[in-house]
Protein backbone atom coordinates (compact mmCIF):
# COMPACT_ATOMS: atom_id res chain seq x y z
CA UNK A 1 -14.43 -8.96 15.91
CA UNK A 2 -11.43 -9.85 13.78
CA UNK A 3 -10.47 -7.94 10.65
CA UNK A 4 -7.77 -9.11 8.25
CA UNK A 5 -6.43 -7.12 5.31
CA UNK A 6 -4.51 -9.03 2.68
CA UNK A 7 -2.78 -8.97 -0.66
CA UNK A 8 -0.97 -11.46 -2.87
CA UNK A 9 1.91 -11.19 -5.32
CA UNK A 10 1.62 -13.91 -7.94
CA UNK A 11 3.67 -15.45 -10.71
CA UNK A 12 1.82 -13.61 -13.45
CA UNK A 13 -1.86 -12.86 -13.93
CA UNK A 14 -2.90 -16.20 -15.41
CA UNK A 15 -5.58 -18.18 -13.65
CA UNK A 16 -3.12 -20.92 -12.68
CA UNK A 17 -0.38 -18.54 -11.49
CA UNK A 18 1.14 -19.54 -8.15
CA UNK A 19 1.51 -17.24 -5.16
CA UNK A 20 4.96 -15.73 -4.57
CA UNK A 21 4.24 -13.53 -1.55
CA UNK A 22 1.33 -12.98 0.81
CA UNK A 23 0.61 -10.42 3.50
CA UNK A 24 -2.17 -10.72 6.09
CA UNK A 25 -2.43 -7.84 8.58
CA UNK A 26 -5.22 -6.96 10.97
CA UNK A 27 -6.53 -6.91 14.50
CA UNK A 28 -8.40 -9.36 16.74
CA UNK A 29 -10.45 -7.59 19.40
CA UNK A 30 -11.15 -10.96 21.05
CA UNK A 31 -7.47 -11.33 21.86
CA UNK A 32 -6.64 -7.62 21.92
CA UNK A 33 -3.69 -8.09 19.57
CA UNK A 34 -2.47 -7.07 16.11
CA UNK A 35 -2.30 -9.81 13.48
CA UNK A 36 0.53 -10.24 11.01
CA UNK A 37 1.52 -13.06 8.68
CA UNK A 38 3.81 -11.93 5.85
CA UNK A 39 5.94 -14.36 3.84
CA UNK A 40 7.58 -15.03 0.50
CA UNK A 41 6.91 -18.54 -0.75
CA UNK A 42 8.52 -20.86 -3.28
CA UNK A 43 6.08 -21.42 -6.17
CA UNK A 44 8.10 -24.46 -7.28
CA UNK A 45 7.82 -23.33 -10.88
CA UNK A 46 9.72 -21.06 -13.24
CA UNK A 47 9.04 -17.37 -12.74
CA UNK A 48 7.07 -15.47 -15.34
CA UNK A 49 9.55 -13.01 -16.87
CA UNK A 50 7.07 -10.16 -17.33
CA UNK A 51 5.74 -10.52 -13.78
CA UNK A 52 9.27 -10.60 -12.38
CA UNK A 53 10.02 -7.29 -14.12
CA UNK A 54 7.13 -5.76 -12.17
CA UNK A 55 7.50 -7.22 -8.68
CA UNK A 56 11.28 -7.73 -8.75
CA UNK A 57 11.13 -11.09 -6.97
CA UNK A 58 13.87 -13.47 -8.13
CA UNK A 59 14.22 -17.25 -8.30
CA UNK A 60 17.29 -17.06 -6.06
CA UNK A 61 15.29 -15.16 -3.46
CA UNK A 62 12.52 -17.79 -3.43
CA UNK A 63 14.59 -20.96 -3.77
CA UNK A 64 15.18 -21.29 -0.01
CA UNK A 65 11.62 -20.35 0.99
CA UNK A 66 8.89 -22.73 2.10
CA UNK A 67 6.03 -23.52 -0.26
CA UNK A 68 2.59 -21.99 0.24
CA UNK A 69 1.30 -25.33 1.56
CA UNK A 70 3.59 -24.95 4.57
CA UNK A 71 1.53 -21.95 5.72
CA UNK A 72 -1.94 -23.09 4.57
CA UNK A 73 -3.20 -24.28 7.97
CA UNK A 74 -1.99 -21.10 9.68
CA UNK A 75 -3.76 -18.97 7.07
CA UNK A 76 -7.01 -20.90 7.40
CA UNK A 77 -6.90 -20.46 11.18
CA UNK A 78 -6.05 -16.77 10.88
CA UNK A 79 -8.95 -16.09 8.51
CA UNK A 80 -11.57 -18.12 10.39
CA UNK A 81 -14.50 -15.90 11.45
CA UNK A 82 -12.71 -12.75 10.25
CA UNK A 83 -13.80 -9.90 8.03
CA UNK A 84 -11.43 -10.28 5.08
CA UNK A 85 -10.51 -7.10 3.22
CA UNK A 86 -8.52 -6.43 0.07
CA UNK A 87 -8.41 -4.30 -3.06
CA UNK A 88 -9.84 -6.02 -6.15
CA UNK A 89 -9.76 -9.21 -4.10
CA UNK A 90 -13.20 -10.43 -5.19
CA UNK A 91 -12.00 -10.63 -8.79
CA UNK A 92 -8.33 -11.53 -8.36
CA UNK A 93 -6.97 -12.42 -4.92
CA UNK A 94 -9.87 -14.43 -3.47
CA UNK A 95 -9.91 -17.03 -6.30
CA UNK A 96 -6.10 -17.35 -6.12
CA UNK A 97 -6.13 -17.68 -2.33
CA UNK A 98 -8.93 -20.24 -2.32
CA UNK A 99 -7.26 -22.35 -5.01
CA UNK A 100 -3.94 -22.41 -3.17
CA UNK A 101 -5.73 -23.34 0.06
CA UNK A 102 -7.39 -26.21 -1.77
CA UNK A 103 -10.94 -24.90 -1.31
CA UNK A 104 -13.51 -23.04 -3.39
CA UNK A 105 -14.27 -19.34 -3.10
CA UNK A 106 -17.67 -20.24 -1.63
CA UNK A 107 -15.96 -22.36 1.03
CA UNK A 108 -13.58 -19.49 1.76
CA UNK A 109 -16.45 -17.07 2.24
CA UNK A 110 -18.35 -19.55 4.42
CA UNK A 111 -15.42 -19.52 6.85
CA UNK A 112 -15.48 -15.71 7.10
CA UNK A 113 -17.67 -13.21 8.92
CA UNK A 114 -17.51 -10.92 5.90
CA UNK A 115 -15.54 -10.12 2.77
CA UNK A 116 -14.93 -6.53 1.65
CA UNK A 117 -13.44 -5.42 -1.66
CA UNK A 118 -12.34 -1.78 -1.28
CA UNK A 119 -12.28 -1.37 -5.05
CA UNK A 120 -15.94 -2.41 -5.24
CA UNK A 121 -16.85 0.07 -2.48
CA UNK A 122 -15.08 2.80 -4.47
CA UNK A 123 -16.72 1.86 -7.76
CA UNK A 124 -20.17 2.11 -6.16
CA UNK A 125 -19.57 5.81 -5.60
CA UNK A 126 -17.80 6.40 -8.93
CA UNK A 127 -14.28 6.39 -7.49
CA UNK A 128 -12.35 4.44 -10.09
CA UNK A 129 -8.80 3.46 -10.86
CA UNK A 130 -5.98 1.30 -9.62
CA UNK A 131 -5.04 1.27 -5.94
CA UNK A 132 -2.09 3.61 -6.54
CA UNK A 133 -4.26 6.16 -8.35
CA UNK A 134 -7.04 6.28 -5.76
CA UNK A 135 -4.52 6.31 -2.92
CA UNK A 136 -2.69 9.29 -4.42
CA UNK A 137 -5.95 11.19 -4.66
CA UNK A 138 -6.22 10.75 -0.89
CA UNK A 139 -2.61 11.81 -0.20
CA UNK A 140 -1.32 8.27 0.26
CA UNK A 141 1.55 6.41 -1.37
CA UNK A 142 3.01 2.91 -1.36
CA UNK A 143 6.57 2.94 0.05
CA UNK A 144 7.02 -0.60 -1.31
CA UNK A 145 5.39 -0.77 -4.76
CA UNK A 146 4.44 -4.24 -6.03
CA UNK A 147 5.01 -5.70 -2.59
CA UNK A 148 2.12 -7.43 -0.83
CA UNK A 149 2.94 -5.85 2.54
CA UNK A 150 3.10 -2.37 0.99
CA UNK A 151 -0.17 -2.85 -0.88
CA UNK A 152 -1.92 -4.00 2.28
CA UNK A 153 -0.62 -0.98 4.19
CA UNK A 154 -1.99 1.37 1.53
CA UNK A 155 -5.34 -0.46 1.40
CA UNK A 156 -5.82 -0.22 5.17
CA UNK A 157 -5.08 3.49 5.24
CA UNK A 158 -7.16 4.22 2.16
CA UNK A 159 -10.24 2.51 3.56
CA UNK A 160 -9.80 4.40 6.84
CA UNK A 161 -9.73 7.74 5.02
CA UNK A 162 -12.67 6.83 2.79
CA UNK A 163 -14.74 5.88 5.83
CA UNK A 164 -13.59 8.90 7.82
CA UNK A 165 -14.64 11.41 5.17
CA UNK A 166 -17.87 9.55 4.37
CA UNK A 167 -16.89 8.67 0.81
CA UNK A 168 -17.87 5.00 1.23
CA UNK A 169 -20.02 2.98 3.59
CA UNK A 170 -19.39 -0.42 5.13
CA UNK A 171 -21.57 -3.27 3.86
CA UNK A 172 -24.59 -3.59 6.14
CA UNK A 173 -23.93 -7.29 6.81
CA UNK A 174 -20.57 -6.68 8.53
CA UNK A 175 -22.31 -6.34 11.88
CA UNK A 176 -20.19 -3.53 13.31
CA UNK A 177 -20.51 0.23 13.34
CA UNK A 178 -18.23 2.38 11.23
CA UNK A 179 -16.77 3.95 14.36
CA UNK A 180 -15.93 0.59 15.95
CA UNK A 181 -14.52 -0.68 12.67
CA UNK A 182 -12.26 2.36 12.34
CA UNK A 183 -11.10 1.85 15.92
CA UNK A 184 -9.98 -1.68 15.00
CA UNK A 185 -7.95 -0.22 12.14
CA UNK A 186 -6.36 2.29 14.51
CA UNK A 187 -5.33 -0.51 16.88
CA UNK A 188 -3.91 -2.67 14.11
CA UNK A 189 -1.65 -0.21 12.26
CA UNK A 190 0.21 3.03 12.75
CA UNK A 191 -1.86 5.45 10.70
CA UNK A 192 0.76 8.17 11.22
CA UNK A 193 3.54 6.20 9.53
CA UNK A 194 4.90 8.93 7.26
CA UNK A 195 6.25 6.46 4.70
CA UNK A 196 2.65 6.01 3.52
CA UNK A 197 1.81 9.70 3.53
CA UNK A 198 2.28 12.18 0.70
CA UNK A 199 3.56 15.19 2.61
CA UNK A 200 2.68 18.56 1.15
CA UNK A 201 5.87 20.35 0.13
CA UNK A 202 6.40 24.05 0.58
CA UNK A 203 5.53 26.03 -2.55
CA UNK A 204 8.48 27.37 -4.48
CA UNK A 205 9.34 30.89 -3.40
CA UNK A 206 8.95 33.56 -6.04
CA UNK A 207 11.59 36.27 -6.19
CA UNK A 208 11.14 39.78 -7.53
CA UNK A 209 14.86 39.94 -8.29
CA UNK A 210 17.83 37.57 -8.30
CA UNK A 211 20.16 40.07 -6.64
CA UNK A 212 19.20 42.98 -4.43
CA UNK A 213 21.68 45.55 -3.06
CA UNK A 214 24.52 43.22 -4.04
CA UNK A 215 23.06 40.28 -2.07
CA UNK A 216 22.01 37.00 -3.73
CA UNK A 217 18.29 36.43 -3.09
CA UNK A 218 17.73 32.80 -4.16
CA UNK A 219 18.86 29.18 -3.81
CA UNK A 220 21.61 27.77 -1.59
CA UNK A 221 23.67 30.97 -1.95
CA UNK A 222 20.94 33.28 -0.68
CA UNK A 223 22.48 35.90 1.61
CA UNK A 224 25.92 35.78 -0.03
CA UNK A 225 27.42 38.92 -1.50
CA UNK A 226 28.37 38.88 -5.17
CA UNK A 227 32.02 38.93 -4.16
CA UNK A 228 31.50 35.85 -2.00
CA UNK A 229 29.54 34.14 -4.77
CA UNK A 230 32.36 34.73 -7.26
CA UNK A 231 34.72 32.72 -5.04
CA UNK A 232 32.19 29.88 -4.75
CA UNK A 233 30.62 29.68 -8.21
CA UNK A 234 32.17 31.96 -10.83
CA UNK A 235 29.90 30.63 -13.58
CA UNK A 236 26.75 31.64 -11.68
CA UNK A 237 28.38 34.94 -10.66
CA UNK A 238 29.12 35.73 -14.32
CA UNK A 239 25.53 34.86 -15.29
CA UNK A 240 24.12 37.24 -12.68
CA UNK A 241 26.53 40.09 -13.31
CA UNK A 242 26.74 39.94 -17.08
CA UNK A 243 23.32 38.48 -17.82
């Protein structure tokens, strides 16, 4: 079984917009190896100003890159007989990917073992919103916003959590159990990568008094005497002493 998660950054949202960056990440149990193909590509067209303000990709950055066509054969081979997974990919990424590969969406799907849209799985159980919103609800964040690699990393981890807590179910035609599918995710990515995790912070400590027995009770100066505080921060000392 081969699973491949992917995302695209494009030159705007128009139907004809070219691909600027792609990220394909996954795992092939037949070869017992992680899969990774992540590249920026030269769209060979002027960048859409509004899109550039979102993704931050510049013409200078892309000018020395290969075009998407340079990678097309490698992508086709990578995706062959895989379960392809994305977020909102059925509506947005799949048509863009197929067009840039020079095939139809139907031809793309015929080459795959399955095609999963995590957003569609969420919508079926009334979990709605953009990837960032749903991810945050499950204590996940994107350390690289508007970057295809970052979006893929969030999508992988979000699907794992949704499957683990029983919020969503895999399509029945995937041909693999949930447990085996989750094991493939575990082998393909580091689920403990803290850059994707929203770590619970300690709650702010509540103080019954600012100063007790002449000792500061709060902040970086906690434990200092008032005399010591006066030498460090006379403004704060004056506020505490004179109110």
